[in-house]
Amino acid sequence: MLDLLVKAAYFIIVYYVFFSFFEIDRWLNQLDNWSQAAVYMLFFLPIAFYSLVQEALLEGQTLGKKLVKIKVVKIDGYQAGFGDYLIRWLFRVIDISIGSGIIGLITMVVNSKTQRLGDISAGTAVITLKNKVTINSTILEEIGQEYQPRYPLVIKLSDNDARIIKETFQNAMKTADFVVLNKLTAKIEQVTGIKNDLGSTQEFIRTVLKDYNYYTQNM
């Protein structure tokens, strides 16, 4: 709704202020129908591409999403890319436009991750950022004073990375989703340069989280 208000504001400014004040509409009347349509499309392209451009530039958020603190991410918790945003945007025609959004609504209701068709196709989901808490209450792992860290390269991770890793790990462990655990391990290795020399993906991820807490608490 907030993004819709932004689009409506743009429409009002362009159509009623720009077109009327500068009398662009009078000039348009002198053109043929195809030329008029081309000019209108040019002026209102920002409305059509609003979500795609905003999510690509703001890393999964639009102005409305920023205000209500939600964000588009990959289903494994990592940052989505332009291709993912493009797929979501293309499916808006089915999800939102057809049947006044009833298709998208039904899909979200029956989907366990509240995904619309665009999200399912892109492998993305919309998460909330409202419960933003400190590192100690979000990603703290139990480590004793004698704990010896194994992977110093975990400092390449951010607090948000560690939070996502822990949440994804916990959810995957609840459902015994070893595919997600393998993907999560591969992503950690890719981002940090660490190699899983423990064999077990579960033990590896637990160690990464403990090491991250160790280094961030002692820096």
N, C-alpha and C. Protein backbone atom coordinates (compact mmCIF):
# COMPACT_ATOMS: atom_id res chain seq x y z
N MET A 1 0.82 -1.21 0.00
CA MET A 1 0.00 0.00 0.00
C MET A 1 0.86 1.26 0.00
N LEU A 2 1.97 1.22 0.75
CA LEU A 2 2.85 2.39 0.77
C LEU A 2 3.50 2.62 -0.60
N ASP A 3 3.90 1.52 -1.24
CA ASP A 3 4.47 1.66 -2.58
C ASP A 3 3.41 2.15 -3.57
N LEU A 4 2.18 1.71 -3.37
CA LEU A 4 1.09 2.17 -4.23
C LEU A 4 0.87 3.66 -4.07
N LEU A 5 1.00 4.17 -2.85
CA LEU A 5 0.87 5.60 -2.61
C LEU A 5 1.99 6.39 -3.31
N VAL A 6 3.21 5.83 -3.31
CA VAL A 6 4.33 6.46 -3.99
C VAL A 6 4.04 6.53 -5.49
N LYS A 7 3.54 5.44 -6.05
CA LYS A 7 3.20 5.42 -7.47
C LYS A 7 2.09 6.41 -7.79
N ALA A 8 1.10 6.47 -6.90
CA ALA A 8 -0.02 7.39 -7.11
C ALA A 8 0.47 8.84 -7.07
N ALA A 9 1.38 9.13 -6.13
CA ALA A 9 1.94 10.48 -6.04
C ALA A 9 2.69 10.84 -7.32
N TYR A 10 3.45 9.90 -7.85
CA TYR A 10 4.17 10.13 -9.10
C TYR A 10 3.19 10.39 -10.23
N PHE A 11 2.12 9.60 -10.29
CA PHE A 11 1.12 9.77 -11.34
C PHE A 11 0.50 11.16 -11.29
N ILE A 12 0.13 11.59 -10.07
CA ILE A 12 -0.50 12.90 -9.91
C ILE A 12 0.45 14.02 -10.33
N ILE A 13 1.70 13.91 -9.88
CA ILE A 13 2.68 14.96 -10.21
C ILE A 13 2.91 15.03 -11.71
N VAL A 14 3.12 13.88 -12.34
CA VAL A 14 3.41 13.87 -13.78
C VAL A 14 2.20 14.27 -14.60
N TYR A 15 1.05 13.67 -14.29
CA TYR A 15 -0.12 13.88 -15.14
C TYR A 15 -0.78 15.24 -14.92
N TYR A 16 -1.04 15.57 -13.66
CA TYR A 16 -1.80 16.79 -13.40
C TYR A 16 -0.93 18.03 -13.32
N VAL A 17 0.31 17.88 -12.89
CA VAL A 17 1.19 19.05 -12.78
C VAL A 17 1.99 19.23 -14.06
N PHE A 18 2.76 18.22 -14.43
CA PHE A 18 3.64 18.35 -15.58
C PHE A 18 2.86 18.50 -16.88
N PHE A 19 1.91 17.58 -17.11
CA PHE A 19 1.16 17.62 -18.36
C PHE A 19 0.30 18.89 -18.46
N SER A 20 -0.35 19.26 -17.35
CA SER A 20 -1.24 20.42 -17.38
C SER A 20 -0.47 21.74 -17.36
N PHE A 21 0.51 21.83 -16.45
CA PHE A 21 1.23 23.09 -16.30
C PHE A 21 2.00 23.45 -17.56
N PHE A 22 2.67 22.46 -18.12
CA PHE A 22 3.46 22.71 -19.33
C PHE A 22 2.67 22.44 -20.60
N GLU A 23 1.38 22.12 -20.43
CA GLU A 23 0.47 21.91 -21.56
C GLU A 23 0.99 20.88 -22.56
N ILE A 24 1.56 19.82 -21.99
CA ILE A 24 2.05 18.74 -22.84
C ILE A 24 0.89 18.03 -23.54
N ASP A 25 -0.25 17.97 -22.86
CA ASP A 25 -1.40 17.29 -23.45
C ASP A 25 -1.87 17.97 -24.72
N ARG A 26 -1.74 19.30 -24.77
CA ARG A 26 -2.14 20.03 -25.98
C ARG A 26 -1.22 19.67 -27.14
N TRP A 27 0.05 19.52 -26.84
CA TRP A 27 1.01 19.12 -27.88
C TRP A 27 0.76 17.68 -28.33
N LEU A 28 0.38 16.81 -27.35
CA LEU A 28 0.12 15.42 -27.69
C LEU A 28 -1.06 15.26 -28.63
N ASN A 29 -2.04 16.16 -28.51
CA ASN A 29 -3.22 16.07 -29.37
C ASN A 29 -2.88 16.25 -30.85
N GLN A 30 -1.73 16.80 -31.11
CA GLN A 30 -1.31 17.01 -32.49
C GLN A 30 -0.63 15.76 -33.08
N LEU A 31 -0.35 14.78 -32.23
CA LEU A 31 0.32 13.57 -32.67
C LEU A 31 -0.68 12.46 -32.98
N ASP A 32 -0.21 11.46 -33.72
CA ASP A 32 -1.07 10.30 -33.99
C ASP A 32 -1.16 9.44 -32.75
N ASN A 33 -2.07 8.48 -32.78
CA ASN A 33 -2.34 7.65 -31.61
C ASN A 33 -1.12 6.87 -31.13
N TRP A 34 -0.34 6.32 -32.08
CA TRP A 34 0.84 5.55 -31.71
C TRP A 34 1.88 6.43 -31.02
N SER A 35 2.06 7.63 -31.52
CA SER A 35 3.03 8.55 -30.93
C SER A 35 2.59 8.98 -29.54
N GLN A 36 1.28 9.23 -29.38
CA GLN A 36 0.76 9.58 -28.07
C GLN A 36 0.99 8.45 -27.06
N ALA A 37 0.71 7.22 -27.50
CA ALA A 37 0.91 6.07 -26.62
C ALA A 37 2.37 5.93 -26.23
N ALA A 38 3.28 6.19 -27.17
CA ALA A 38 4.71 6.08 -26.89
C ALA A 38 5.15 7.10 -25.84
N VAL A 39 4.62 8.33 -25.94
CA VAL A 39 4.97 9.38 -24.99
C VAL A 39 4.44 9.04 -23.59
N TYR A 40 3.20 8.57 -23.52
CA TYR A 40 2.62 8.19 -22.24
C TYR A 40 3.40 7.03 -21.60
N MET A 41 3.78 6.07 -22.42
CA MET A 41 4.57 4.94 -21.90
C MET A 41 5.91 5.40 -21.35
N LEU A 42 6.53 6.36 -22.02
CA LEU A 42 7.81 6.89 -21.58
C LEU A 42 7.69 7.54 -20.21
N PHE A 43 6.65 8.33 -20.01
CA PHE A 43 6.47 9.03 -18.75
C PHE A 43 6.09 8.10 -17.60
N PHE A 44 5.39 7.02 -17.92
CA PHE A 44 4.89 6.16 -16.86
C PHE A 44 5.65 4.85 -16.73
N LEU A 45 6.79 4.74 -17.41
CA LEU A 45 7.65 3.57 -17.23
C LEU A 45 8.13 3.42 -15.78
N PRO A 46 8.45 4.52 -15.08
CA PRO A 46 8.88 4.38 -13.68
C PRO A 46 7.88 3.65 -12.80
N ILE A 47 6.58 3.78 -13.10
CA ILE A 47 5.56 3.07 -12.33
C ILE A 47 5.64 1.57 -12.62
N ALA A 48 5.79 1.24 -13.91
CA ALA A 48 5.84 -0.17 -14.31
C ALA A 48 7.07 -0.88 -13.74
N PHE A 49 8.20 -0.17 -13.74
CA PHE A 49 9.46 -0.79 -13.31
C PHE A 49 9.83 -0.42 -11.87
N TYR A 50 8.92 0.19 -11.17
CA TYR A 50 9.20 0.69 -9.82
C TYR A 50 9.77 -0.40 -8.90
N SER A 51 9.05 -1.52 -8.78
CA SER A 51 9.47 -2.58 -7.85
C SER A 51 10.80 -3.20 -8.26
N LEU A 52 10.96 -3.47 -9.55
CA LEU A 52 12.19 -4.11 -10.03
C LEU A 52 13.40 -3.23 -9.77
N VAL A 53 13.31 -1.96 -10.13
CA VAL A 53 14.45 -1.05 -9.97
C VAL A 53 14.76 -0.81 -8.50
N GLN A 54 13.71 -0.61 -7.70
CA GLN A 54 13.91 -0.35 -6.27
C GLN A 54 14.56 -1.54 -5.57
N GLU A 55 14.04 -2.74 -5.83
CA GLU A 55 14.60 -3.92 -5.17
C GLU A 55 16.03 -4.18 -5.61
N ALA A 56 16.33 -3.90 -6.88
CA ALA A 56 17.70 -4.10 -7.38
C ALA A 56 18.67 -3.10 -6.74
N LEU A 57 18.23 -1.86 -6.59
CA LEU A 57 19.11 -0.82 -6.05
C LEU A 57 19.20 -0.86 -4.52
N LEU A 58 18.11 -1.24 -3.88
CA LEU A 58 18.06 -1.22 -2.41
C LEU A 58 18.19 -2.61 -1.80
N GLU A 59 18.74 -3.55 -2.58
CA GLU A 59 19.03 -4.90 -2.09
C GLU A 59 17.81 -5.58 -1.48
N GLY A 60 16.77 -5.68 -2.29
CA GLY A 60 15.59 -6.43 -1.86
C GLY A 60 14.52 -5.61 -1.19
N GLN A 61 14.64 -4.30 -1.23
CA GLN A 61 13.63 -3.45 -0.60
C GLN A 61 13.15 -2.37 -1.56
N THR A 62 11.92 -1.94 -1.35
CA THR A 62 11.39 -0.75 -2.00
C THR A 62 11.22 0.30 -0.90
N LEU A 63 10.77 1.48 -1.24
CA LEU A 63 10.56 2.50 -0.20
C LEU A 63 9.53 2.01 0.82
N GLY A 64 8.48 1.36 0.33
CA GLY A 64 7.47 0.82 1.24
C GLY A 64 8.02 -0.27 2.13
N LYS A 65 8.82 -1.17 1.54
CA LYS A 65 9.41 -2.25 2.33
C LYS A 65 10.36 -1.70 3.38
N LYS A 66 11.09 -0.64 3.05
CA LYS A 66 11.99 -0.03 4.02
C LYS A 66 11.21 0.51 5.21
N LEU A 67 10.10 1.17 4.93
CA LEU A 67 9.31 1.79 5.99
C LEU A 67 8.71 0.76 6.95
N VAL A 68 8.27 -0.38 6.41
CA VAL A 68 7.68 -1.40 7.28
C VAL A 68 8.68 -2.48 7.67
N LYS A 69 9.96 -2.28 7.24
CA LYS A 69 11.06 -3.15 7.64
C LYS A 69 10.86 -4.61 7.20
N ILE A 70 10.66 -4.80 5.90
CA ILE A 70 10.66 -6.13 5.33
C ILE A 70 11.62 -6.15 4.14
N LYS A 71 12.01 -7.33 3.71
CA LYS A 71 13.03 -7.43 2.68
C LYS A 71 12.92 -8.75 1.92
N VAL A 72 13.27 -8.72 0.63
CA VAL A 72 13.29 -9.93 -0.19
C VAL A 72 14.68 -10.57 -0.08
N VAL A 73 14.73 -11.85 0.26
CA VAL A 73 16.00 -12.58 0.33
C VAL A 73 15.82 -13.94 -0.35
N LYS A 74 16.92 -14.61 -0.63
CA LYS A 74 16.85 -15.97 -1.13
C LYS A 74 16.30 -16.87 -0.03
N ILE A 75 15.74 -17.99 -0.43
CA ILE A 75 15.09 -18.86 0.53
C ILE A 75 16.09 -19.43 1.53
N ASP A 76 17.39 -19.47 1.16
CA ASP A 76 18.41 -19.94 2.10
C ASP A 76 18.91 -18.83 3.01
N GLY A 77 18.32 -17.63 2.88
CA GLY A 77 18.65 -16.52 3.77
C GLY A 77 19.66 -15.54 3.23
N TYR A 78 20.25 -15.82 2.06
CA TYR A 78 21.27 -14.93 1.54
C TYR A 78 20.69 -13.91 0.57
N GLN A 79 21.52 -12.96 0.19
CA GLN A 79 21.10 -11.85 -0.65
C GLN A 79 20.64 -12.33 -2.02
N ALA A 80 19.47 -11.86 -2.44
CA ALA A 80 18.97 -12.17 -3.77
C ALA A 80 19.70 -11.32 -4.81
N GLY A 81 19.65 -11.75 -6.07
CA GLY A 81 20.31 -11.03 -7.14
C GLY A 81 19.31 -10.43 -8.10
N PHE A 82 19.82 -9.72 -9.10
CA PHE A 82 18.93 -9.04 -10.04
C PHE A 82 18.02 -10.03 -10.77
N GLY A 83 18.57 -11.19 -11.13
CA GLY A 83 17.76 -12.20 -11.81
C GLY A 83 16.58 -12.64 -10.97
N ASP A 84 16.77 -12.74 -9.67
CA ASP A 84 15.69 -13.13 -8.76
C ASP A 84 14.61 -12.04 -8.71
N TYR A 85 15.06 -10.78 -8.61
CA TYR A 85 14.10 -9.68 -8.58
C TYR A 85 13.33 -9.61 -9.90
N LEU A 86 14.02 -9.90 -11.01
CA LEU A 86 13.39 -9.85 -12.33
C LEU A 86 12.28 -10.91 -12.44
N ILE A 87 12.56 -12.12 -11.95
CA ILE A 87 11.55 -13.18 -11.99
C ILE A 87 10.34 -12.79 -11.15
N ARG A 88 10.58 -12.26 -9.94
CA ARG A 88 9.48 -11.83 -9.07
C ARG A 88 8.65 -10.77 -9.77
N TRP A 89 9.33 -9.83 -10.43
CA TRP A 89 8.64 -8.73 -11.11
C TRP A 89 7.81 -9.24 -12.28
N LEU A 90 8.34 -10.17 -13.05
CA LEU A 90 7.60 -10.71 -14.20
C LEU A 90 6.33 -11.43 -13.76
N PHE A 91 6.39 -12.10 -12.61
CA PHE A 91 5.23 -12.84 -12.13
C PHE A 91 4.20 -11.95 -11.45
N ARG A 92 4.49 -10.68 -11.30
CA ARG A 92 3.51 -9.76 -10.69
C ARG A 92 2.23 -9.70 -11.50
N VAL A 93 2.35 -9.88 -12.81
CA VAL A 93 1.17 -9.85 -13.68
C VAL A 93 0.19 -10.93 -13.26
N ILE A 94 0.72 -12.12 -12.92
CA ILE A 94 -0.14 -13.23 -12.49
C ILE A 94 -0.54 -13.08 -11.03
N ASP A 95 0.43 -12.75 -10.19
CA ASP A 95 0.19 -12.70 -8.74
C ASP A 95 -0.73 -11.57 -8.32
N ILE A 96 -0.52 -10.41 -8.90
CA ILE A 96 -1.19 -9.21 -8.40
C ILE A 96 -2.25 -8.67 -9.35
N SER A 97 -1.93 -8.66 -10.65
CA SER A 97 -2.85 -8.03 -11.61
C SER A 97 -4.06 -8.89 -11.93
N ILE A 98 -3.84 -10.17 -12.20
CA ILE A 98 -4.95 -11.05 -12.58
C ILE A 98 -5.84 -11.34 -11.37
N GLY A 99 -7.14 -11.10 -11.54
CA GLY A 99 -8.08 -11.38 -10.46
C GLY A 99 -7.88 -10.51 -9.24
N SER A 100 -7.35 -9.29 -9.46
CA SER A 100 -7.14 -8.33 -8.37
C SER A 100 -6.27 -8.89 -7.25
N GLY A 101 -5.32 -9.76 -7.63
CA GLY A 101 -4.38 -10.28 -6.66
C GLY A 101 -4.82 -11.54 -5.96
N ILE A 102 -5.95 -12.12 -6.38
CA ILE A 102 -6.48 -13.29 -5.68
C ILE A 102 -5.56 -14.50 -5.84
N ILE A 103 -4.89 -14.61 -7.01
CA ILE A 103 -3.98 -15.74 -7.24
C ILE A 103 -2.80 -15.67 -6.29
N GLY A 104 -2.19 -14.48 -6.20
CA GLY A 104 -1.06 -14.31 -5.29
C GLY A 104 -1.46 -14.54 -3.85
N LEU A 105 -2.65 -14.08 -3.47
CA LEU A 105 -3.13 -14.23 -2.10
C LEU A 105 -3.33 -15.70 -1.74
N ILE A 106 -3.97 -16.44 -2.64
CA ILE A 106 -4.22 -17.86 -2.39
C ILE A 106 -2.90 -18.61 -2.28
N THR A 107 -1.96 -18.30 -3.18
CA THR A 107 -0.66 -18.97 -3.16
C THR A 107 0.06 -18.72 -1.85
N MET A 108 0.00 -17.49 -1.34
CA MET A 108 0.66 -17.16 -0.08
C MET A 108 0.01 -17.87 1.10
N VAL A 109 -1.31 -18.00 1.05
CA VAL A 109 -2.02 -18.63 2.16
C VAL A 109 -1.69 -20.11 2.27
N VAL A 110 -1.63 -20.79 1.12
CA VAL A 110 -1.40 -22.24 1.13
C VAL A 110 0.08 -22.60 1.21
N ASN A 111 0.97 -21.61 1.04
CA ASN A 111 2.40 -21.88 1.07
C ASN A 111 2.94 -21.71 2.47
N SER A 112 3.73 -22.65 2.93
CA SER A 112 4.24 -22.62 4.31
C SER A 112 5.17 -21.44 4.56
N LYS A 113 5.81 -20.93 3.51
CA LYS A 113 6.73 -19.80 3.66
C LYS A 113 6.10 -18.49 3.21
N THR A 114 4.78 -18.50 3.01
CA THR A 114 4.03 -17.32 2.59
C THR A 114 4.62 -16.71 1.32
N GLN A 115 4.91 -17.55 0.35
CA GLN A 115 5.46 -17.08 -0.92
C GLN A 115 4.36 -16.96 -1.96
N ARG A 116 4.47 -15.93 -2.79
CA ARG A 116 3.60 -15.87 -3.96
C ARG A 116 4.30 -16.61 -5.10
N LEU A 117 3.65 -16.73 -6.25
CA LEU A 117 4.21 -17.49 -7.36
C LEU A 117 5.58 -16.95 -7.78
N GLY A 118 5.72 -15.62 -7.78
CA GLY A 118 6.99 -15.01 -8.14
C GLY A 118 8.12 -15.43 -7.21
N ASP A 119 7.81 -15.51 -5.92
CA ASP A 119 8.82 -15.94 -4.94
C ASP A 119 9.18 -17.41 -5.11
N ILE A 120 8.17 -18.24 -5.36
CA ILE A 120 8.42 -19.66 -5.55
C ILE A 120 9.31 -19.87 -6.77
N SER A 121 9.03 -19.15 -7.85
CA SER A 121 9.80 -19.29 -9.08
C SER A 121 11.22 -18.78 -8.92
N ALA A 122 11.39 -17.70 -8.14
CA ALA A 122 12.72 -17.11 -7.96
C ALA A 122 13.49 -17.72 -6.80
N GLY A 123 12.82 -18.55 -6.01
CA GLY A 123 13.48 -19.12 -4.83
C GLY A 123 13.73 -18.07 -3.77
N THR A 124 12.79 -17.14 -3.62
CA THR A 124 12.94 -16.05 -2.65
C THR A 124 11.78 -16.05 -1.66
N ALA A 125 11.91 -15.25 -0.64
CA ALA A 125 10.85 -15.05 0.34
C ALA A 125 11.01 -13.65 0.93
N VAL A 126 9.94 -13.14 1.49
CA VAL A 126 9.97 -11.83 2.14
C VAL A 126 10.06 -12.04 3.64
N ILE A 127 11.09 -11.47 4.25
CA ILE A 127 11.30 -11.64 5.68
C ILE A 127 11.12 -10.29 6.39
N THR A 128 10.88 -10.33 7.67
CA THR A 128 10.76 -9.11 8.45
C THR A 128 12.07 -8.77 9.12
N LEU A 129 12.36 -7.48 9.20
CA LEU A 129 13.55 -6.99 9.87
C LEU A 129 13.18 -6.24 11.15
N LYS A 130 11.91 -6.35 11.55
CA LYS A 130 11.44 -5.57 12.69
C LYS A 130 12.08 -6.01 13.99
N ASN A 131 12.28 -7.30 14.17
CA ASN A 131 12.83 -7.81 15.43
C ASN A 131 14.35 -7.68 15.43
N LYS A 132 14.81 -6.47 15.27
CA LYS A 132 16.25 -6.25 15.24
C LYS A 132 16.77 -6.12 16.66
N VAL A 133 17.56 -7.10 17.06
CA VAL A 133 18.07 -7.12 18.43
C VAL A 133 19.58 -7.18 18.40
N THR A 134 20.17 -7.16 19.57
CA THR A 134 21.63 -7.14 19.63
C THR A 134 22.20 -8.51 19.30
N ILE A 135 23.47 -8.53 19.00
CA ILE A 135 24.15 -9.79 18.64
C ILE A 135 24.07 -10.79 19.78
N ASN A 136 24.14 -10.31 21.01
CA ASN A 136 24.16 -11.23 22.14
C ASN A 136 22.84 -11.99 22.29
N SER A 137 21.73 -11.38 21.91
CA SER A 137 20.45 -12.05 22.06
C SER A 137 20.02 -12.78 20.80
N THR A 138 20.80 -12.67 19.75
CA THR A 138 20.40 -13.27 18.48
C THR A 138 21.29 -14.42 18.06
N ILE A 139 22.60 -14.24 18.11
CA ILE A 139 23.50 -15.24 17.54
C ILE A 139 24.52 -15.76 18.56
N LEU A 140 24.29 -15.50 19.82
CA LEU A 140 25.23 -15.94 20.84
C LEU A 140 25.27 -17.46 20.93
N GLU A 141 26.46 -18.02 20.94
CA GLU A 141 26.65 -19.45 21.13
C GLU A 141 27.38 -19.68 22.45
N GLU A 142 27.07 -20.79 23.07
CA GLU A 142 27.71 -21.12 24.34
C GLU A 142 29.17 -21.51 24.11
N ILE A 143 30.08 -20.69 24.61
CA ILE A 143 31.51 -21.02 24.51
C ILE A 143 32.16 -20.71 25.86
N GLY A 144 32.99 -21.61 26.30
CA GLY A 144 33.67 -21.42 27.58
C GLY A 144 34.93 -20.59 27.42
N GLN A 145 35.54 -20.23 28.54
CA GLN A 145 36.76 -19.43 28.51
C GLN A 145 37.92 -20.18 27.87
N GLU A 146 37.86 -21.50 27.92
CA GLU A 146 38.94 -22.31 27.35
C GLU A 146 38.73 -22.62 25.87
N TYR A 147 37.66 -22.08 25.30
CA TYR A 147 37.34 -22.42 23.91
C TYR A 147 38.45 -21.96 22.96
N GLN A 148 38.84 -22.85 22.05
CA GLN A 148 39.86 -22.55 21.06
C GLN A 148 39.22 -22.46 19.68
N PRO A 149 39.20 -21.29 19.06
CA PRO A 149 38.58 -21.14 17.74
C PRO A 149 39.35 -21.89 16.67
N ARG A 150 38.65 -22.26 15.62
CA ARG A 150 39.24 -23.07 14.57
C ARG A 150 39.38 -22.30 13.25
N TYR A 151 38.43 -21.37 13.02
CA TYR A 151 38.39 -20.69 11.73
C TYR A 151 38.45 -19.16 11.90
N PRO A 152 39.63 -18.56 11.90
CA PRO A 152 39.73 -17.10 12.04
C PRO A 152 39.10 -16.32 10.89
N LEU A 153 38.91 -16.97 9.75
CA LEU A 153 38.33 -16.28 8.60
C LEU A 153 36.84 -15.97 8.77
N VAL A 154 36.25 -16.42 9.89
CA VAL A 154 34.84 -16.11 10.12
C VAL A 154 34.62 -14.62 10.30
N ILE A 155 35.69 -13.86 10.55
CA ILE A 155 35.52 -12.41 10.72
C ILE A 155 35.11 -11.74 9.41
N LYS A 156 35.14 -12.49 8.31
CA LYS A 156 34.64 -11.94 7.06
C LYS A 156 33.12 -11.83 7.06
N LEU A 157 32.48 -12.54 7.97
CA LEU A 157 31.03 -12.49 8.09
C LEU A 157 30.60 -11.23 8.83
N SER A 158 29.39 -10.79 8.57
CA SER A 158 28.82 -9.66 9.31
C SER A 158 27.86 -10.22 10.37
N ASP A 159 27.40 -9.34 11.26
CA ASP A 159 26.43 -9.77 12.27
C ASP A 159 25.17 -10.33 11.59
N ASN A 160 24.76 -9.67 10.51
CA ASN A 160 23.56 -10.12 9.81
C ASN A 160 23.79 -11.49 9.17
N ASP A 161 24.99 -11.71 8.63
CA ASP A 161 25.32 -13.02 8.06
C ASP A 161 25.21 -14.11 9.12
N ALA A 162 25.78 -13.83 10.28
CA ALA A 162 25.76 -14.82 11.36
C ALA A 162 24.33 -15.11 11.82
N ARG A 163 23.51 -14.06 11.88
CA ARG A 163 22.11 -14.25 12.27
C ARG A 163 21.38 -15.13 11.26
N ILE A 164 21.59 -14.85 9.99
CA ILE A 164 20.94 -15.63 8.93
C ILE A 164 21.40 -17.08 8.96
N ILE A 165 22.71 -17.26 9.15
CA ILE A 165 23.26 -18.62 9.21
C ILE A 165 22.62 -19.40 10.35
N LYS A 166 22.54 -18.77 11.53
CA LYS A 166 21.99 -19.47 12.68
C LYS A 166 20.52 -19.80 12.49
N GLU A 167 19.73 -18.84 11.98
CA GLU A 167 18.30 -19.08 11.78
C GLU A 167 18.07 -20.17 10.74
N THR A 168 18.83 -20.10 9.63
CA THR A 168 18.70 -21.13 8.58
C THR A 168 19.10 -22.49 9.11
N PHE A 169 20.18 -22.52 9.88
CA PHE A 169 20.68 -23.78 10.45
C PHE A 169 19.64 -24.39 11.39
N GLN A 170 19.08 -23.58 12.27
CA GLN A 170 18.10 -24.09 13.22
C GLN A 170 16.85 -24.62 12.52
N ASN A 171 16.39 -23.88 11.51
CA ASN A 171 15.20 -24.33 10.76
C ASN A 171 15.47 -25.62 10.00
N ALA A 172 16.66 -25.72 9.41
CA ALA A 172 17.02 -26.93 8.66
C ALA A 172 17.16 -28.13 9.59
N MET A 173 17.68 -27.91 10.78
CA MET A 173 17.84 -29.01 11.73
C MET A 173 16.47 -29.51 12.22
N LYS A 174 15.52 -28.61 12.36
CA LYS A 174 14.18 -29.01 12.81
C LYS A 174 13.51 -29.94 11.81
N THR A 175 13.75 -29.69 10.53
CA THR A 175 13.09 -30.48 9.48
C THR A 175 14.03 -31.51 8.86
N ALA A 176 15.24 -31.63 9.41
CA ALA A 176 16.24 -32.56 8.87
C ALA A 176 16.47 -32.31 7.37
N ASP A 177 16.54 -31.04 7.01
CA ASP A 177 16.72 -30.66 5.60
C ASP A 177 18.22 -30.59 5.30
N PHE A 178 18.78 -31.71 4.90
CA PHE A 178 20.22 -31.79 4.67
C PHE A 178 20.63 -31.09 3.38
N VAL A 179 19.69 -30.91 2.46
CA VAL A 179 19.98 -30.16 1.24
C VAL A 179 20.31 -28.72 1.58
N VAL A 180 19.50 -28.13 2.45
CA VAL A 180 19.74 -26.75 2.88
C VAL A 180 21.04 -26.65 3.66
N LEU A 181 21.33 -27.64 4.50
CA LEU A 181 22.57 -27.63 5.27
C LEU A 181 23.79 -27.67 4.36
N ASN A 182 23.71 -28.48 3.31
CA ASN A 182 24.81 -28.56 2.35
C ASN A 182 24.98 -27.23 1.61
N LYS A 183 23.86 -26.63 1.22
CA LYS A 183 23.91 -25.34 0.52
C LYS A 183 24.47 -24.25 1.44
N LEU A 184 24.04 -24.29 2.69
CA LEU A 184 24.51 -23.31 3.66
C LEU A 184 26.01 -23.46 3.89
N THR A 185 26.48 -24.68 3.99
CA THR A 185 27.92 -24.93 4.15
C THR A 185 28.70 -24.41 2.96
N ALA A 186 28.19 -24.69 1.75
CA ALA A 186 28.86 -24.24 0.53
C ALA A 186 28.91 -22.72 0.46
N LYS A 187 27.85 -22.07 0.92
CA LYS A 187 27.80 -20.60 0.89
C LYS A 187 28.80 -20.02 1.88
N ILE A 188 28.89 -20.61 3.06
CA ILE A 188 29.86 -20.14 4.06
C ILE A 188 31.28 -20.28 3.53
N GLU A 189 31.56 -21.41 2.90
CA GLU A 189 32.88 -21.64 2.32
C GLU A 189 33.19 -20.62 1.24
N GLN A 190 32.18 -20.32 0.43
CA GLN A 190 32.37 -19.36 -0.67
C GLN A 190 32.65 -17.95 -0.15
N VAL A 191 31.88 -17.53 0.86
CA VAL A 191 32.00 -16.16 1.38
C VAL A 191 33.26 -15.96 2.20
N THR A 192 33.61 -16.94 3.02
CA THR A 192 34.73 -16.77 3.95
C THR A 192 36.05 -17.35 3.46
N GLY A 193 35.97 -18.32 2.57
CA GLY A 193 37.20 -19.00 2.14
C GLY A 193 37.56 -20.16 3.05
N ILE A 194 36.71 -20.43 4.04
CA ILE A 194 36.93 -21.56 4.95
C ILE A 194 36.55 -22.86 4.24
N LYS A 195 37.26 -23.92 4.54
CA LYS A 195 36.92 -25.24 4.01
C LYS A 195 36.45 -26.14 5.16
N ASN A 196 35.40 -26.87 4.90
CA ASN A 196 34.86 -27.78 5.91
C ASN A 196 35.77 -28.99 6.06
N ASP A 197 36.62 -28.94 7.07
CA ASP A 197 37.53 -30.06 7.33
C ASP A 197 37.04 -30.94 8.47
N LEU A 198 35.77 -30.72 8.86
CA LEU A 198 35.21 -31.51 9.95
C LEU A 198 34.35 -32.66 9.44
N GLY A 199 34.04 -32.63 8.15
CA GLY A 199 33.21 -33.69 7.57
C GLY A 199 31.74 -33.43 7.76
N SER A 200 31.28 -33.35 8.97
CA SER A 200 29.87 -33.12 9.27
C SER A 200 29.50 -31.66 9.01
N THR A 201 28.45 -31.46 8.22
CA THR A 201 28.00 -30.08 7.95
C THR A 201 27.45 -29.44 9.21
N GLN A 202 26.74 -30.23 10.04
CA GLN A 202 26.18 -29.68 11.28
C GLN A 202 27.29 -29.19 12.20
N GLU A 203 28.31 -30.00 12.39
CA GLU A 203 29.41 -29.63 13.28
C GLU A 203 30.18 -28.44 12.72
N PHE A 204 30.31 -28.40 11.41
CA PHE A 204 31.01 -27.29 10.77
C PHE A 204 30.29 -25.97 11.01
N ILE A 205 28.99 -25.96 10.81
CA ILE A 205 28.22 -24.73 10.98
C ILE A 205 28.21 -24.30 12.44
N ARG A 206 28.07 -25.26 13.35
CA ARG A 206 28.12 -24.93 14.78
C ARG A 206 29.47 -24.30 15.14
N THR A 207 30.54 -24.84 14.58
CA THR A 207 31.88 -24.32 14.87
C THR A 207 32.05 -22.92 14.31
N VAL A 208 31.53 -22.69 13.12
CA VAL A 208 31.60 -21.35 12.51
C VAL A 208 30.89 -20.33 13.40
N LEU A 209 29.72 -20.67 13.90
CA LEU A 209 28.97 -19.76 14.76
C LEU A 209 29.70 -19.51 16.08
N LYS A 210 30.25 -20.55 16.66
CA LYS A 210 31.00 -20.39 17.91
C LYS A 210 32.24 -19.53 17.69
N ASP A 211 32.95 -19.79 16.58
CA ASP A 211 34.15 -19.01 16.28
C ASP A 211 33.80 -17.55 16.05
N TYR A 212 32.68 -17.31 15.37
CA TYR A 212 32.27 -15.93 15.11
C TYR A 212 32.00 -15.21 16.43
N ASN A 213 31.31 -15.89 17.34
CA ASN A 213 31.07 -15.29 18.66
C ASN A 213 32.37 -15.06 19.41
N TYR A 214 33.29 -15.99 19.30
CA TYR A 214 34.57 -15.86 20.00
C TYR A 214 35.31 -14.62 19.53
N TYR A 215 35.45 -14.48 18.21
CA TYR A 215 36.22 -13.35 17.67
C TYR A 215 35.52 -12.01 17.85
N THR A 216 34.20 -11.97 17.72
CA THR A 216 33.49 -10.69 17.87
C THR A 216 33.44 -10.25 19.32
N GLN A 217 33.44 -11.21 20.25
CA GLN A 217 33.42 -10.85 21.68
C GLN A 217 34.78 -10.44 22.18
N ASN A 218 35.83 -10.84 21.47
CA ASN A 218 37.19 -10.54 21.93
C ASN A 218 37.90 -9.52 21.06
N MET A 219 37.15 -8.82 20.23
CA MET A 219 37.76 -7.80 19.36
C MET A 219 37.61 -6.43 20.01
